[in-house]
Amino acid sequence: MKNMLIVLLTAVFFWVTYVVVDTSYQSNLFKEWDYLMSIPWMVATLWDFYALILVLLLWVYYKETNIAVKGVWTVLFITLGSIAVTGYVLLQLFRLKPGQGLETVLLKRS
């Protein structure tokens, strides 16, 4: 299961990174901001996204004991979104020792 998750999340990490970088080359978010914020679904999507980030950060705050680490992940989650979240979960999976189950990723504190 661990290896399957690593493969899947690595693919997601690289795909989302590609999409974000490719889109950045095609369109400047800061130039488009006023237009995008005039679209109700874009506003709803941003609220939905940052609500999800809050939930995921609560999990990170539970797992991590070092305040500096919590701060770094907060900045990364807010600025990089899914790229950072996927990276965090991949790091947790790579840190699993032989014999540890996925519950270690979800519940064990660092």
N, C-alpha and C. Protein backbone atom coordinates (compact mmCIF):
# COMPACT_ATOMS: atom_id res chain seq x y z
N MET A 1 0.82 -1.19 0.00
CA MET A 1 0.00 0.00 0.00
C MET A 1 0.87 1.26 0.00
N LYS A 2 1.94 1.24 0.82
CA LYS A 2 2.82 2.40 0.91
C LYS A 2 3.41 2.75 -0.45
N ASN A 3 3.94 1.73 -1.14
CA ASN A 3 4.56 1.98 -2.45
C ASN A 3 3.56 2.48 -3.47
N MET A 4 2.34 1.96 -3.43
CA MET A 4 1.31 2.42 -4.35
C MET A 4 0.98 3.89 -4.08
N LEU A 5 0.89 4.27 -2.81
CA LEU A 5 0.63 5.67 -2.47
C LEU A 5 1.78 6.57 -2.90
N ILE A 6 3.00 6.11 -2.73
CA ILE A 6 4.16 6.91 -3.15
C ILE A 6 4.12 7.14 -4.66
N VAL A 7 3.84 6.10 -5.42
CA VAL A 7 3.77 6.25 -6.88
C VAL A 7 2.64 7.22 -7.25
N LEU A 8 1.47 7.03 -6.68
CA LEU A 8 0.33 7.88 -6.99
C LEU A 8 0.60 9.34 -6.61
N LEU A 9 1.08 9.57 -5.39
CA LEU A 9 1.31 10.93 -4.94
C LEU A 9 2.48 11.60 -5.65
N THR A 10 3.47 10.83 -6.06
CA THR A 10 4.56 11.39 -6.85
C THR A 10 4.02 11.86 -8.20
N ALA A 11 3.16 11.06 -8.81
CA ALA A 11 2.55 11.45 -10.08
C ALA A 11 1.71 12.72 -9.89
N VAL A 12 0.92 12.78 -8.83
CA VAL A 12 0.10 13.97 -8.55
C VAL A 12 1.00 15.18 -8.33
N PHE A 13 2.07 15.00 -7.53
CA PHE A 13 3.00 16.10 -7.25
C PHE A 13 3.56 16.69 -8.54
N PHE A 14 4.06 15.83 -9.43
CA PHE A 14 4.66 16.33 -10.67
C PHE A 14 3.61 16.88 -11.62
N TRP A 15 2.42 16.28 -11.68
CA TRP A 15 1.37 16.78 -12.56
C TRP A 15 0.91 18.16 -12.11
N VAL A 16 0.62 18.33 -10.83
CA VAL A 16 0.16 19.63 -10.33
C VAL A 16 1.26 20.69 -10.51
N THR A 17 2.51 20.32 -10.25
CA THR A 17 3.61 21.26 -10.45
C THR A 17 3.69 21.67 -11.92
N TYR A 18 3.57 20.72 -12.81
CA TYR A 18 3.58 21.02 -14.25
C TYR A 18 2.44 21.97 -14.62
N VAL A 19 1.24 21.66 -14.16
CA VAL A 19 0.07 22.48 -14.50
C VAL A 19 0.25 23.91 -13.99
N VAL A 20 0.72 24.06 -12.76
CA VAL A 20 0.90 25.40 -12.19
C VAL A 20 1.99 26.17 -12.96
N VAL A 21 3.11 25.54 -13.22
CA VAL A 21 4.20 26.22 -13.94
C VAL A 21 3.76 26.57 -15.36
N ASP A 22 3.15 25.63 -16.06
CA ASP A 22 2.69 25.86 -17.43
C ASP A 22 1.66 27.00 -17.47
N THR A 23 0.73 26.99 -16.54
CA THR A 23 -0.28 28.05 -16.48
C THR A 23 0.36 29.40 -16.17
N SER A 24 1.38 29.40 -15.32
CA SER A 24 2.07 30.64 -14.99
C SER A 24 2.74 31.25 -16.22
N TYR A 25 3.26 30.42 -17.10
CA TYR A 25 3.86 30.92 -18.33
C TYR A 25 2.81 31.48 -19.29
N GLN A 26 1.60 30.95 -19.23
CA GLN A 26 0.55 31.37 -20.14
C GLN A 26 -0.23 32.59 -19.65
N SER A 27 -0.31 32.74 -18.32
CA SER A 27 -1.18 33.78 -17.77
C SER A 27 -0.60 34.28 -16.45
N ASN A 28 -0.59 35.60 -16.29
CA ASN A 28 -0.10 36.22 -15.06
C ASN A 28 -1.26 36.36 -14.08
N LEU A 29 -1.21 35.62 -12.98
CA LEU A 29 -2.29 35.64 -12.00
C LEU A 29 -2.56 37.05 -11.48
N PHE A 30 -1.50 37.83 -11.27
CA PHE A 30 -1.67 39.16 -10.71
C PHE A 30 -2.35 40.12 -11.68
N LYS A 31 -2.14 39.91 -12.98
CA LYS A 31 -2.82 40.73 -13.99
C LYS A 31 -4.29 40.31 -14.14
N GLU A 32 -4.57 39.05 -13.91
CA GLU A 32 -5.92 38.49 -14.08
C GLU A 32 -6.76 38.56 -12.81
N TRP A 33 -6.15 38.96 -11.69
CA TRP A 33 -6.80 38.85 -10.38
C TRP A 33 -8.17 39.52 -10.33
N ASP A 34 -8.28 40.77 -10.79
CA ASP A 34 -9.56 41.48 -10.72
C ASP A 34 -10.64 40.75 -11.50
N TYR A 35 -10.29 40.29 -12.68
CA TYR A 35 -11.25 39.54 -13.49
C TYR A 35 -11.65 38.24 -12.79
N LEU A 36 -10.67 37.51 -12.30
CA LEU A 36 -10.96 36.22 -11.66
C LEU A 36 -11.85 36.40 -10.43
N MET A 37 -11.60 37.45 -9.66
CA MET A 37 -12.40 37.67 -8.45
C MET A 37 -13.82 38.15 -8.76
N SER A 38 -14.08 38.47 -10.02
CA SER A 38 -15.45 38.84 -10.41
C SER A 38 -16.28 37.60 -10.75
N ILE A 39 -15.65 36.44 -10.80
CA ILE A 39 -16.35 35.19 -11.12
C ILE A 39 -16.73 34.51 -9.80
N PRO A 40 -18.03 34.40 -9.50
CA PRO A 40 -18.44 33.81 -8.21
C PRO A 40 -17.85 32.43 -7.94
N TRP A 41 -17.75 31.58 -8.96
CA TRP A 41 -17.19 30.25 -8.74
C TRP A 41 -15.71 30.29 -8.38
N MET A 42 -14.99 31.27 -8.87
CA MET A 42 -13.58 31.40 -8.51
C MET A 42 -13.46 31.78 -7.04
N VAL A 43 -14.30 32.70 -6.59
CA VAL A 43 -14.30 33.09 -5.18
C VAL A 43 -14.65 31.89 -4.30
N ALA A 44 -15.69 31.15 -4.70
CA ALA A 44 -16.11 29.96 -3.94
C ALA A 44 -14.99 28.91 -3.91
N THR A 45 -14.30 28.74 -5.03
CA THR A 45 -13.20 27.78 -5.11
C THR A 45 -12.07 28.16 -4.17
N LEU A 46 -11.74 29.45 -4.11
CA LEU A 46 -10.69 29.90 -3.19
C LEU A 46 -11.08 29.68 -1.73
N TRP A 47 -12.32 29.99 -1.37
CA TRP A 47 -12.78 29.73 0.01
C TRP A 47 -12.72 28.24 0.32
N ASP A 48 -13.16 27.42 -0.63
CA ASP A 48 -13.13 25.98 -0.45
C ASP A 48 -11.68 25.49 -0.28
N PHE A 49 -10.79 25.98 -1.12
CA PHE A 49 -9.39 25.58 -1.07
C PHE A 49 -8.75 25.94 0.28
N TYR A 50 -8.95 27.17 0.73
CA TYR A 50 -8.30 27.58 1.97
C TYR A 50 -8.96 26.97 3.21
N ALA A 51 -10.22 26.58 3.11
CA ALA A 51 -10.83 25.81 4.20
C ALA A 51 -10.16 24.44 4.29
N LEU A 52 -9.91 23.83 3.15
CA LEU A 52 -9.21 22.55 3.12
C LEU A 52 -7.79 22.69 3.67
N ILE A 53 -7.10 23.75 3.29
CA ILE A 53 -5.75 24.00 3.79
C ILE A 53 -5.78 24.13 5.31
N LEU A 54 -6.78 24.80 5.86
CA LEU A 54 -6.90 24.93 7.31
C LEU A 54 -7.03 23.56 7.97
N VAL A 55 -7.88 22.71 7.42
CA VAL A 55 -8.06 21.36 7.97
C VAL A 55 -6.74 20.59 7.92
N LEU A 56 -6.06 20.65 6.79
CA LEU A 56 -4.79 19.94 6.66
C LEU A 56 -3.73 20.50 7.59
N LEU A 57 -3.72 21.82 7.78
CA LEU A 57 -2.76 22.41 8.72
C LEU A 57 -3.03 21.98 10.15
N LEU A 58 -4.28 21.79 10.53
CA LEU A 58 -4.58 21.29 11.87
C LEU A 58 -3.96 19.91 12.07
N TRP A 59 -3.99 19.09 11.02
CA TRP A 59 -3.36 17.77 11.08
C TRP A 59 -1.84 17.93 11.23
N VAL A 60 -1.24 18.83 10.45
CA VAL A 60 0.20 19.07 10.54
C VAL A 60 0.56 19.59 11.92
N TYR A 61 -0.24 20.49 12.47
CA TYR A 61 0.03 21.04 13.81
C TYR A 61 -0.03 19.94 14.87
N TYR A 62 -0.91 18.97 14.68
CA TYR A 62 -0.98 17.83 15.60
C TYR A 62 0.29 16.98 15.46
N LYS A 63 0.68 16.68 14.21
CA LYS A 63 1.79 15.77 13.97
C LYS A 63 3.15 16.36 14.33
N GLU A 64 3.37 17.61 14.01
CA GLU A 64 4.68 18.23 14.20
C GLU A 64 4.77 18.86 15.59
N THR A 65 5.91 18.69 16.23
CA THR A 65 6.10 19.26 17.57
C THR A 65 6.93 20.54 17.55
N ASN A 66 7.69 20.76 16.49
CA ASN A 66 8.57 21.93 16.40
C ASN A 66 7.80 23.10 15.78
N ILE A 67 7.77 24.24 16.48
CA ILE A 67 6.99 25.39 16.00
C ILE A 67 7.54 25.95 14.70
N ALA A 68 8.86 25.90 14.51
CA ALA A 68 9.45 26.39 13.26
C ALA A 68 9.00 25.52 12.08
N VAL A 69 8.96 24.22 12.30
CA VAL A 69 8.50 23.31 11.24
C VAL A 69 7.04 23.59 10.92
N LYS A 70 6.23 23.81 11.95
CA LYS A 70 4.82 24.16 11.73
C LYS A 70 4.71 25.44 10.90
N GLY A 71 5.55 26.43 11.21
CA GLY A 71 5.52 27.69 10.48
C GLY A 71 5.91 27.53 9.02
N VAL A 72 6.94 26.75 8.78
CA VAL A 72 7.38 26.52 7.39
C VAL A 72 6.27 25.85 6.59
N TRP A 73 5.67 24.80 7.16
CA TRP A 73 4.60 24.10 6.44
C TRP A 73 3.38 25.00 6.25
N THR A 74 3.11 25.88 7.19
CA THR A 74 1.99 26.81 7.03
C THR A 74 2.22 27.69 5.80
N VAL A 75 3.40 28.28 5.71
CA VAL A 75 3.72 29.15 4.57
C VAL A 75 3.67 28.35 3.26
N LEU A 76 4.24 27.15 3.27
CA LEU A 76 4.24 26.33 2.05
C LEU A 76 2.83 25.93 1.64
N PHE A 77 2.00 25.52 2.58
CA PHE A 77 0.63 25.13 2.25
C PHE A 77 -0.15 26.30 1.67
N ILE A 78 -0.01 27.47 2.28
CA ILE A 78 -0.77 28.64 1.83
C ILE A 78 -0.29 29.13 0.47
N THR A 79 1.01 29.07 0.22
CA THR A 79 1.52 29.60 -1.04
C THR A 79 1.56 28.57 -2.17
N LEU A 80 1.83 27.33 -1.86
CA LEU A 80 1.98 26.31 -2.90
C LEU A 80 0.81 25.34 -2.98
N GLY A 81 -0.08 25.36 -1.99
CA GLY A 81 -1.28 24.54 -2.03
C GLY A 81 -1.01 23.05 -2.17
N SER A 82 -1.61 22.46 -3.18
CA SER A 82 -1.55 21.01 -3.38
C SER A 82 -0.13 20.50 -3.58
N ILE A 83 0.74 21.32 -4.14
CA ILE A 83 2.13 20.90 -4.33
C ILE A 83 2.75 20.64 -2.96
N ALA A 84 2.57 21.57 -2.02
CA ALA A 84 3.15 21.42 -0.68
C ALA A 84 2.47 20.30 0.10
N VAL A 85 1.16 20.21 0.00
CA VAL A 85 0.43 19.17 0.73
C VAL A 85 0.88 17.79 0.26
N THR A 86 0.97 17.61 -1.04
CA THR A 86 1.42 16.33 -1.58
C THR A 86 2.85 16.04 -1.16
N GLY A 87 3.69 17.06 -1.17
CA GLY A 87 5.08 16.90 -0.72
C GLY A 87 5.15 16.50 0.74
N TYR A 88 4.31 17.10 1.58
CA TYR A 88 4.29 16.76 3.00
C TYR A 88 3.92 15.28 3.20
N VAL A 89 2.88 14.85 2.53
CA VAL A 89 2.44 13.46 2.69
C VAL A 89 3.51 12.50 2.15
N LEU A 90 4.14 12.85 1.04
CA LEU A 90 5.22 12.01 0.52
C LEU A 90 6.37 11.91 1.53
N LEU A 91 6.74 13.02 2.14
CA LEU A 91 7.78 12.98 3.16
C LEU A 91 7.40 12.05 4.31
N GLN A 92 6.15 12.12 4.72
CA GLN A 92 5.69 11.25 5.80
C GLN A 92 5.78 9.78 5.40
N LEU A 93 5.43 9.48 4.15
CA LEU A 93 5.52 8.10 3.66
C LEU A 93 6.96 7.62 3.58
N PHE A 94 7.87 8.48 3.11
CA PHE A 94 9.28 8.10 3.01
C PHE A 94 9.92 7.91 4.38
N ARG A 95 9.38 8.55 5.40
CA ARG A 95 9.93 8.42 6.76
C ARG A 95 9.47 7.15 7.46
N LEU A 96 8.50 6.46 6.90
CA LEU A 96 8.03 5.22 7.52
C LEU A 96 9.16 4.19 7.56
N LYS A 97 9.31 3.59 8.71
CA LYS A 97 10.30 2.52 8.87
C LYS A 97 9.65 1.20 8.49
N PRO A 98 10.45 0.21 8.11
CA PRO A 98 9.88 -1.10 7.79
C PRO A 98 9.01 -1.61 8.94
N GLY A 99 7.85 -2.09 8.58
CA GLY A 99 6.94 -2.63 9.59
C GLY A 99 5.93 -1.61 10.11
N GLN A 100 6.18 -0.32 9.89
CA GLN A 100 5.20 0.68 10.33
C GLN A 100 4.08 0.77 9.30
N GLY A 101 2.86 0.89 9.80
CA GLY A 101 1.70 1.00 8.93
C GLY A 101 1.34 2.43 8.62
N LEU A 102 0.36 2.59 7.76
CA LEU A 102 -0.09 3.93 7.37
C LEU A 102 -0.67 4.71 8.54
N GLU A 103 -1.14 4.02 9.57
CA GLU A 103 -1.65 4.74 10.74
C GLU A 103 -0.56 5.61 11.38
N THR A 104 0.70 5.22 11.17
CA THR A 104 1.83 6.02 11.67
C THR A 104 1.85 7.37 10.97
N VAL A 105 1.58 7.37 9.67
CA VAL A 105 1.54 8.62 8.91
C VAL A 105 0.41 9.51 9.43
N LEU A 106 -0.72 8.90 9.69
CA LEU A 106 -1.89 9.69 10.08
C LEU A 106 -1.85 10.14 11.55
N LEU A 107 -1.35 9.31 12.43
CA LEU A 107 -1.54 9.57 13.85
C LEU A 107 -0.27 9.86 14.65
N LYS A 108 0.84 9.30 14.27
CA LYS A 108 2.05 9.42 15.10
C LYS A 108 2.62 10.82 14.98
N ARG A 109 3.00 11.38 16.15
CA ARG A 109 3.59 12.71 16.16
C ARG A 109 5.06 12.62 15.86
N SER A 110 5.57 13.65 15.18
CA SER A 110 7.00 13.68 14.82
C SER A 110 7.85 13.98 16.01
